Protein backbone atom coordinates (compact mmCIF):
# COMPACT_ATOMS: atom_id res chain seq x y z
CA UNK A 1 -31.74 -61.47 15.25
CA UNK A 2 -30.47 -60.90 18.76
CA UNK A 3 -30.07 -57.51 20.34
CA UNK A 4 -26.30 -57.94 20.29
CA UNK A 5 -26.37 -58.71 16.55
CA UNK A 6 -28.49 -55.62 15.88
CA UNK A 7 -26.03 -53.48 17.78
CA UNK A 8 -23.12 -55.05 15.90
CA UNK A 9 -24.80 -54.49 12.52
CA UNK A 10 -25.53 -50.90 13.40
CA UNK A 11 -21.92 -50.35 14.43
CA UNK A 12 -20.72 -51.92 11.17
CA UNK A 13 -23.11 -49.74 9.15
CA UNK A 14 -22.01 -46.66 11.03
CA UNK A 15 -18.37 -47.58 10.48
CA UNK A 16 -18.98 -48.14 6.75
CA UNK A 17 -20.70 -44.77 6.53
CA UNK A 18 -17.83 -43.08 8.35
CA UNK A 19 -15.32 -44.70 6.00
CA UNK A 20 -17.41 -43.59 3.04
CA UNK A 21 -17.56 -40.05 4.39
CA UNK A 22 -13.82 -39.95 4.98
CA UNK A 23 -13.15 -41.28 1.47
CA UNK A 24 -15.49 -38.69 -0.03
CA UNK A 25 -13.83 -35.91 1.94
CA UNK A 26 -10.41 -37.06 0.76
CA UNK A 27 -11.62 -37.19 -2.86
CA UNK A 28 -13.09 -33.71 -2.66
CA UNK A 29 -9.99 -32.33 -0.93
CA UNK A 30 -7.79 -33.89 -3.60
CA UNK A 31 -9.98 -32.42 -6.33
CA UNK A 32 -9.66 -28.98 -4.72
CA UNK A 33 -5.87 -29.35 -4.42
CA UNK A 34 -5.69 -30.34 -8.08
CA UNK A 35 -7.65 -27.17 -8.90
CA UNK A 36 -10.40 -28.99 -10.76
CA UNK A 37 -13.07 -26.76 -12.36
CA UNK A 38 -15.91 -25.75 -10.09
CA UNK A 39 -18.35 -27.71 -12.27
CA UNK A 40 -16.50 -30.89 -11.28
CA UNK A 41 -16.76 -29.96 -7.61
CA UNK A 42 -20.49 -29.36 -7.99
CA UNK A 43 -20.87 -32.74 -9.67
CA UNK A 44 -18.99 -34.50 -6.86
CA UNK A 45 -21.16 -32.73 -4.29
CA UNK A 46 -24.38 -33.72 -6.03
CA UNK A 47 -23.30 -37.33 -6.56
CA UNK A 48 -22.20 -37.83 -2.99
CA UNK A 49 -25.34 -36.37 -1.42
CA UNK A 50 -27.75 -38.09 -3.81
CA UNK A 51 -26.02 -41.46 -4.23
CA UNK A 52 -24.10 -42.08 -1.04
CA UNK A 53 -26.39 -40.33 1.44
CA UNK A 54 -29.58 -40.91 -0.57
CA UNK A 55 -30.68 -37.28 -0.26
CA UNK A 56 -33.77 -36.98 -2.46
CA UNK A 57 -33.77 -33.24 -3.14
CA UNK A 58 -30.84 -30.78 -3.27
CA UNK A 59 -30.55 -27.08 -4.08
CA UNK A 60 -27.09 -25.58 -3.58
CA UNK A 61 -26.88 -21.82 -4.02
CA UNK A 62 -23.50 -20.09 -4.37
CA UNK A 63 -22.89 -16.35 -4.21
CA UNK A 64 -20.93 -14.77 -7.04
CA UNK A 65 -20.51 -11.27 -8.49
CA UNK A 66 -24.04 -11.38 -9.95
CA UNK A 67 -25.76 -12.58 -6.79
CA UNK A 68 -27.04 -16.00 -5.76
CA UNK A 69 -26.89 -18.69 -8.43
CA UNK A 70 -28.33 -22.25 -8.23
CA UNK A 71 -25.10 -24.23 -8.68
CA UNK A 72 -26.60 -27.67 -7.97
CA UNK A 73 -30.23 -28.70 -8.47
CA UNK A 74 -31.32 -32.30 -7.91
CA UNK A 75 -35.01 -33.15 -8.26
CA UNK A 76 -35.80 -29.45 -7.95
CA UNK A 77 -37.76 -27.52 -10.58
CA UNK A 78 -35.32 -24.91 -11.92
CA UNK A 79 -38.20 -22.63 -12.87
CA UNK A 80 -39.27 -22.36 -9.23
CA UNK A 81 -36.03 -21.38 -7.53
CA UNK A 82 -35.75 -17.73 -8.62
CA UNK A 83 -37.15 -16.35 -5.37
CA UNK A 84 -35.57 -18.87 -3.02
CA UNK A 85 -32.72 -16.54 -1.93
CA UNK A 86 -35.24 -14.00 -0.67
CA UNK A 87 -36.59 -16.70 1.64
CA UNK A 88 -33.43 -18.42 2.89
CA UNK A 89 -31.15 -15.42 3.44
CA UNK A 90 -32.80 -14.70 6.79
CA UNK A 91 -31.20 -17.84 8.26
CA UNK A 92 -27.63 -17.69 9.54
CA UNK A 93 -27.46 -21.14 11.13
CA UNK A 94 -28.75 -24.65 10.45
CA UNK A 95 -32.52 -24.46 10.18
CA UNK A 96 -35.23 -27.11 10.12
CA UNK A 97 -38.04 -25.88 7.87
CA UNK A 98 -41.25 -25.30 9.80
CA UNK A 99 -44.86 -25.03 8.73
CA UNK A 100 -44.89 -21.27 9.26
CA UNK A 101 -41.81 -20.64 7.08
CA UNK A 102 -42.19 -19.18 3.60
CA UNK A 103 -44.23 -21.38 1.29
CA UNK A 104 -41.39 -21.66 -1.21
CA UNK A 105 -39.26 -23.34 1.47
CA UNK A 106 -41.82 -26.04 2.24
CA UNK A 107 -40.36 -28.31 -0.46
CA UNK A 108 -37.24 -28.71 1.71
CA UNK A 109 -36.54 -30.09 5.16
CA UNK A 110 -33.23 -28.47 6.12
CA UNK A 111 -31.43 -25.22 5.26
CA UNK A 112 -27.64 -25.30 5.67
CA UNK A 113 -25.98 -21.84 5.52
CA UNK A 114 -22.24 -21.40 4.94
CA UNK A 115 -20.51 -18.27 6.20
CA UNK A 116 -16.98 -17.14 5.39
CA UNK A 117 -15.50 -14.17 7.23
CA UNK A 118 -18.95 -13.31 8.58
CA UNK A 119 -20.45 -13.20 5.09
CA UNK A 120 -22.86 -15.79 3.62
CA UNK A 121 -21.31 -17.52 0.62
CA UNK A 122 -23.55 -20.57 0.15
CA UNK A 123 -26.84 -22.17 1.15
CA UNK A 124 -27.69 -25.85 0.76
CA UNK A 125 -31.38 -26.75 0.90
CA UNK A 126 -32.09 -30.47 1.22
CA UNK A 127 -35.03 -32.80 1.60
CA UNK A 128 -35.55 -36.53 1.93
CA UNK A 129 -32.86 -37.52 4.38
CA UNK A 130 -32.96 -41.33 4.44
CA UNK A 131 -35.14 -42.68 7.24
CA UNK A 132 -33.53 -44.99 9.74
CA UNK A 133 -30.15 -43.22 9.56
CA UNK A 134 -28.47 -40.98 12.06
CA UNK A 135 -30.06 -37.77 10.79
CA UNK A 136 -28.01 -35.52 13.05
CA UNK A 137 -24.75 -37.13 11.93
CA UNK A 138 -25.74 -36.88 8.26
CA UNK A 139 -26.71 -33.23 8.58
CA UNK A 140 -23.43 -32.45 10.35
CA UNK A 141 -21.54 -34.17 7.57
CA UNK A 142 -23.53 -32.41 4.86
CA UNK A 143 -22.73 -29.14 6.63
CA UNK A 144 -19.01 -29.98 6.63
CA UNK A 145 -18.86 -31.00 2.98
CA UNK A 146 -20.93 -27.96 1.96
CA UNK A 147 -18.50 -25.73 3.84
CA UNK A 148 -15.50 -27.29 2.10
CA UNK A 149 -17.06 -26.98 -1.36
CA UNK A 150 -18.38 -23.45 -0.79
CA UNK A 151 -15.11 -22.08 0.60
CA UNK A 152 -13.18 -23.66 -2.28
CA UNK A 153 -15.55 -22.04 -4.80
CA UNK A 154 -15.30 -18.72 -2.97
CA UNK A 155 -11.51 -18.91 -3.10
CA UNK A 156 -11.69 -19.59 -6.83
CA UNK A 157 -13.94 -16.55 -7.21
CA UNK A 158 -11.55 -14.37 -5.23
CA UNK A 159 -8.59 -15.58 -7.30
CA UNK A 160 -10.47 -14.82 -10.53
CA UNK A 161 -11.35 -11.37 -9.23
CA UNK A 162 -7.75 -10.75 -8.21
CA UNK A 163 -6.51 -11.77 -11.66
CA UNK A 164 -9.04 -9.45 -13.30
CA UNK A 165 -8.10 -6.61 -10.96
CA UNK A 166 -4.40 -7.15 -11.66
CA UNK A 167 -5.03 -7.04 -15.41
CA UNK A 168 -7.16 -3.91 -15.00
CA UNK A 169 -4.43 -2.38 -12.85
CA UNK A 170 -1.75 -3.20 -15.44
CA UNK A 171 -3.92 -1.67 -18.16
CA UNK A 172 -4.61 1.43 -16.06
CA UNK A 173 -0.88 1.74 -15.33
CA UNK A 174 -0.19 1.80 -19.05
CA UNK A 175 -2.98 4.35 -19.52
CA UNK A 176 -1.42 6.54 -16.82
CA UNK A 177 1.91 6.47 -18.64
CA UNK A 178 0.14 7.60 -21.81
CA UNK A 179 -1.28 10.65 -19.99
CA UNK A 180 2.18 12.15 -19.48
CA UNK A 181 4.29 12.87 -22.60
CA UNK A 182 7.77 11.36 -22.43
CA UNK A 183 9.21 14.18 -24.54
CA UNK A 184 8.05 17.79 -24.53
CA UNK A 185 8.58 20.13 -27.49
CA UNK A 186 10.83 23.15 -27.81
CA UNK A 187 11.26 25.84 -30.45
CA UNK A 188 13.41 28.82 -31.35
CA UNK A 189 12.19 30.88 -28.40
CA UNK A 190 10.31 28.50 -26.11
CA UNK A 191 10.75 25.28 -24.13
CA UNK A 192 8.36 22.89 -22.40
CA UNK A 193 9.25 20.29 -19.80
CA UNK A 194 7.39 18.17 -17.28
CA UNK A 195 7.90 16.13 -14.15
CA UNK A 196 5.54 13.40 -12.97
CA UNK A 197 5.72 11.19 -9.90
CA UNK A 198 2.58 9.11 -9.23
CA UNK A 199 1.62 8.32 -5.66
CA UNK A 200 0.73 4.82 -6.83
CA UNK A 201 1.33 3.26 -10.24
CA UNK A 202 -2.12 4.44 -11.30
CA UNK A 203 -2.62 8.18 -11.07
CA UNK A 204 -5.22 10.78 -11.93
CA UNK A 205 -3.06 13.61 -13.26
CA UNK A 206 -2.71 14.64 -16.89
CA UNK A 207 -0.21 16.76 -18.83
CA UNK A 208 -0.33 17.43 -22.55
CA UNK A 209 0.58 19.77 -25.38
CA UNK A 210 -0.72 20.50 -28.88
CA UNK A 211 1.35 22.25 -31.53
CA UNK A 212 -0.29 24.47 -34.15
CA UNK A 213 2.51 24.95 -36.64
CA UNK A 214 5.64 26.75 -35.47
CA UNK A 215 3.98 29.86 -34.08
CA UNK A 216 1.44 28.47 -31.62
CA UNK A 217 1.89 25.97 -28.82
CA UNK A 218 -0.83 24.87 -26.43
CA UNK A 219 -0.12 23.12 -23.14
CA UNK A 220 -2.30 21.95 -20.27
CA UNK A 221 -2.46 20.16 -16.95
CA UNK A 222 -5.42 18.56 -15.16
CA UNK A 223 -6.27 16.69 -11.98
CA UNK A 224 -9.35 14.50 -11.50
CA UNK A 225 -11.18 13.97 -8.22
CA UNK A 226 -10.48 10.52 -6.84
CA UNK A 227 -7.67 8.14 -7.67
CA UNK A 228 -7.09 4.68 -9.04
CA UNK A 229 -8.38 2.92 -12.13
CA UNK A 230 -11.56 5.01 -12.43
CA UNK A 231 -9.56 8.25 -12.37
CA UNK A 232 -7.13 6.94 -14.99
CA UNK A 233 -10.01 5.95 -17.29
CA UNK A 234 -11.63 9.36 -16.95
CA UNK A 235 -8.34 11.06 -17.74
CA UNK A 236 -7.85 8.86 -20.81
CA UNK A 237 -11.24 10.04 -22.09
CA UNK A 238 -10.37 13.61 -21.16
CA UNK A 239 -7.09 13.42 -23.06
CA UNK A 240 -8.93 12.31 -26.20
CA UNK A 241 -11.45 15.14 -25.77
CA UNK A 242 -8.73 17.77 -25.37
CA UNK A 243 -6.87 16.56 -28.44
CA UNK A 244 -10.06 16.47 -30.49
CA UNK A 245 -11.70 19.70 -29.34
CA UNK A 246 -8.49 21.70 -29.63
CA UNK A 247 -8.67 21.10 -33.38
CA UNK A 248 -12.33 22.13 -33.57
CA UNK A 249 -12.31 25.39 -31.63
CA UNK A 250 -10.07 28.39 -32.21
CA UNK A 251 -10.40 29.95 -28.76
CA UNK A 252 -9.88 28.47 -25.32
CA UNK A 253 -13.17 29.69 -23.83
CA UNK A 254 -15.35 27.82 -26.34
CA UNK A 255 -13.15 24.74 -26.06
CA UNK A 256 -13.43 24.62 -22.25
CA UNK A 257 -17.22 25.05 -22.42
CA UNK A 258 -17.38 22.08 -24.82
CA UNK A 259 -15.06 20.08 -22.56
CA UNK A 260 -17.32 20.70 -19.59
CA UNK A 261 -20.37 19.45 -21.49
CA UNK A 262 -18.60 16.30 -22.68
CA UNK A 263 -17.08 15.45 -19.29
CA UNK A 264 -20.45 15.92 -17.60
CA UNK A 265 -21.99 13.40 -20.02
CA UNK A 266 -19.26 10.88 -19.21
CA UNK A 267 -19.12 11.25 -15.42
CA UNK A 268 -22.76 12.25 -14.71
CA UNK A 269 -21.39 14.82 -12.30
CA UNK A 270 -19.89 12.15 -10.03
CA UNK A 271 -16.32 13.18 -10.86
CA UNK A 272 -14.87 16.57 -11.67
CA UNK A 273 -11.58 17.92 -12.93
CA UNK A 274 -9.48 20.97 -12.31
CA UNK A 275 -7.86 22.12 -15.52
CA UNK A 276 -5.37 24.73 -16.68
CA UNK A 277 -4.77 25.32 -20.37
CA UNK A 278 -2.61 27.94 -22.06
CA UNK A 279 -2.01 28.91 -25.67
CA UNK A 280 1.22 30.72 -26.50
CA UNK A 281 1.01 32.75 -29.72
CA UNK A 282 4.68 33.28 -30.44
CA UNK A 283 4.02 35.61 -33.37
CA UNK A 284 1.72 37.94 -31.43
CA UNK A 285 3.77 37.46 -28.25
CA UNK A 286 0.66 36.68 -26.22
CA UNK A 287 -0.17 33.90 -23.79
CA UNK A 288 -3.88 33.12 -23.49
CA UNK A 289 -5.07 30.91 -20.65
CA UNK A 290 -8.11 29.50 -18.88
CA UNK A 291 -7.88 28.23 -15.31
CA UNK A 292 -10.83 25.96 -14.54
CA UNK A 293 -10.64 25.70 -10.77
CA UNK A 294 -7.01 24.56 -10.84
CA UNK A 295 -4.36 25.54 -8.32
CA UNK A 296 -3.00 28.88 -9.59
CA UNK A 297 0.08 28.38 -11.74
CA UNK A 298 2.86 30.90 -11.15
CA UNK A 299 4.50 33.06 -13.78
CA UNK A 300 7.78 34.94 -13.44
CA UNK A 301 8.64 38.01 -15.53
CA UNK A 302 11.38 40.51 -14.65
CA UNK A 303 11.84 38.79 -11.31
CA UNK A 304 8.20 39.32 -10.34
CA UNK A 305 6.07 36.32 -9.37
CA UNK A 306 2.38 36.35 -10.21
CA UNK A 307 -0.33 33.73 -9.68
CA UNK A 308 -2.73 32.89 -12.51
CA UNK A 309 -5.95 32.54 -10.53
CA UNK A 310 -9.09 30.72 -11.64
CA UNK A 311 -10.97 32.22 -14.56
CA UNK A 312 -13.86 29.72 -14.33
CA UNK A 313 -15.05 26.89 -12.12
CA UNK A 314 -14.15 23.20 -12.24
CA UNK A 315 -14.90 20.93 -15.21
CA UNK A 316 -17.66 18.31 -15.14
CA UNK A 317 -19.66 19.48 -12.12
CA UNK A 318 -22.05 22.12 -13.49
CA UNK A 319 -24.18 21.89 -16.62
CA UNK A 320 -23.16 25.44 -17.44
CA UNK A 321 -19.99 27.10 -16.25
CA UNK A 322 -21.15 30.05 -14.08
CA UNK A 323 -18.35 32.35 -15.19
CA UNK A 324 -15.86 32.22 -17.98
CA UNK A 325 -12.94 34.53 -18.62
CA UNK A 326 -9.79 34.15 -20.63
CA UNK A 327 -6.59 35.52 -19.16
CA UNK A 328 -3.96 37.19 -21.33
CA UNK A 329 -0.25 37.62 -20.59
CA UNK A 330 2.05 39.75 -22.74
CA UNK A 331 5.20 37.91 -23.71
CA UNK A 332 7.34 41.05 -23.91
CA UNK A 333 9.93 39.66 -21.52
CA UNK A 334 11.59 36.36 -20.75
CA UNK A 335 8.87 34.33 -19.08
CA UNK A 336 8.75 31.26 -16.87
CA UNK A 337 5.42 29.59 -16.13
CA UNK A 338 4.99 26.69 -13.73
CA UNK A 339 1.67 24.80 -13.64
CA UNK A 340 1.29 21.93 -11.20
CA UNK A 341 -1.19 19.71 -9.37
CA UNK A 342 -1.98 19.86 -5.66
CA UNK A 343 0.46 17.03 -4.96
CA UNK A 344 3.23 19.66 -5.01
CA UNK A 345 1.81 21.70 -2.13
CA UNK A 346 0.60 18.59 -0.29
CA UNK A 347 4.22 17.62 0.37
CA UNK A 348 5.09 17.90 4.06
CA UNK A 349 8.38 17.93 5.93
CA UNK A 350 9.14 16.10 9.19
CA UNK A 351 7.58 18.98 11.16
CA UNK A 352 4.28 18.60 9.31
CA UNK A 353 4.74 21.86 7.40
CA UNK A 354 3.52 22.03 3.81
CA UNK A 355 5.55 23.12 0.84
CA UNK A 356 3.84 26.40 -0.12
CA UNK A 357 3.15 28.36 -3.27
CA UNK A 358 5.35 31.12 -1.84
CA UNK A 359 8.24 28.66 -1.50
CA UNK A 360 7.70 27.55 -5.08
CA UNK A 361 7.72 31.16 -6.27
CA UNK A 362 10.96 31.93 -4.47
CA UNK A 363 12.53 28.78 -5.89
CA UNK A 364 11.52 29.74 -9.43
CA UNK A 365 12.74 33.32 -9.01
CA UNK A 366 16.15 32.21 -7.74
CA UNK A 367 16.59 29.70 -10.59
CA UNK A 368 14.95 31.64 -13.39
CA UNK A 369 18.01 31.36 -15.63
CA UNK A 370 17.65 27.57 -15.85
CA UNK A 371 16.15 25.81 -18.86
CA UNK A 372 12.66 24.34 -18.63
CA UNK A 373 14.05 20.86 -18.06
CA UNK A 374 16.58 22.03 -15.48
CA UNK A 375 13.90 24.10 -13.73
CA UNK A 376 11.54 21.12 -13.48
CA UNK A 377 14.32 18.91 -12.14
CA UNK A 378 15.35 21.61 -9.67
CA UNK A 379 11.80 21.85 -8.29
CA UNK A 380 11.47 18.08 -7.94
CA UNK A 381 14.86 17.80 -6.22
CA UNK A 382 13.83 20.56 -3.83
CA UNK A 383 10.53 18.80 -3.05
CA UNK A 384 12.27 15.51 -2.32
CA UNK A 385 14.81 17.27 -0.11
CA UNK A 386 12.01 19.17 1.67
CA UNK A 387 10.00 16.05 2.50
CA UNK A 388 13.00 14.04 3.68
CA UNK A 389 11.80 10.63 4.86
CA UNK A 390 8.12 11.62 4.79
CA UNK A 391 5.76 9.94 2.32
CA UNK A 392 4.43 11.73 -0.74
CA UNK A 393 0.65 11.89 -0.11
CA UNK A 394 -0.48 12.48 -3.69
CA UNK A 395 0.59 12.42 -7.33
CA UNK A 396 3.07 15.14 -8.24
CA UNK A 397 2.71 16.59 -11.74
CA UNK A 398 4.36 19.75 -13.00
CA UNK A 399 4.79 21.45 -16.35
CA UNK A 400 7.32 24.21 -17.06
CA UNK A 401 6.98 26.69 -19.93
CA UNK A 402 9.90 28.98 -20.79
CA UNK A 403 9.65 31.85 -23.28
CA UNK A 404 12.73 33.72 -24.44
CA UNK A 405 12.33 37.25 -25.75
CA UNK A 406 13.69 37.38 -29.28
């Protein structure tokens, strides 16, 4: 065969290979556009490399939530690939395996890494590139097709994760709604009302009440460190604990001690809560309360504003609460109590000034004749007016208790 014929044959072979590569790329692109399962993409990848390019040995590793998984193995012993990632992760560009590389890599000839947004998402390890072919061209093509497959799989993974996160977010949003009663109780000589405005759809604030017949009403408010889904889940557990333990213990001190122990078991000390709980004994005309590191609620009697300071430390941080006291308020006069989370005093106006506890006290004192519901609405309206166009930086939760002297 003449030199010219050899050149012509080589050109025809090269052209056929290029056409084959283009066809394969189109097939894979079409499969990706049709959203075929990733198993089908892996199969196409394996078939093309092993059949069309005659690659003798293939190990394609893909990164997922659990780490590096062997997605494609061709003529590779599956029992001997466990430690491969430890060896190939050091390479961030095309690498030809050398004699001094890790022993486990010696079964391969080339390592093809795939990076996406500066993060490794896939590695293709190959051996047995057909002799007599344009090795450089084949490796470049293998790199391209590996990139296409790996990025497509990564996008599928990200979509799955987004769907899961959206479902978790929807669930947490519903949980958040359950943490705030839609209707608060009232009786012959008392009223309860609340206002809640989450910073996002998922919040970490909690308001609740428990009735003990017609003569005792318990109400509480809590705020968990952190925000988002984790905070909502912790508060859901906390709500269940409060409802359960309030039936087991007759006094607030013992109940709060038990709450602290249970929360610590759940959060391992990584999250903590501030908590205010009060029990109004309408027959004895007494209000008992425990403030576990919460922002001091304010109480108004005879036009005098008083803060109900902490009687113990936060919940879920210490194995034993260092100090524990129970506060007592005589309900001899008409009484208004406002308990709230720090979102109220985090509100700022256009000048960067915070809404203060003193402002809240003055607002309560000047509107003390209002019902619990009207008082809560009045405070929220005032906060919104105070902030103007400024953003609300945190959840706003507030509970109003009104007692009327009989």
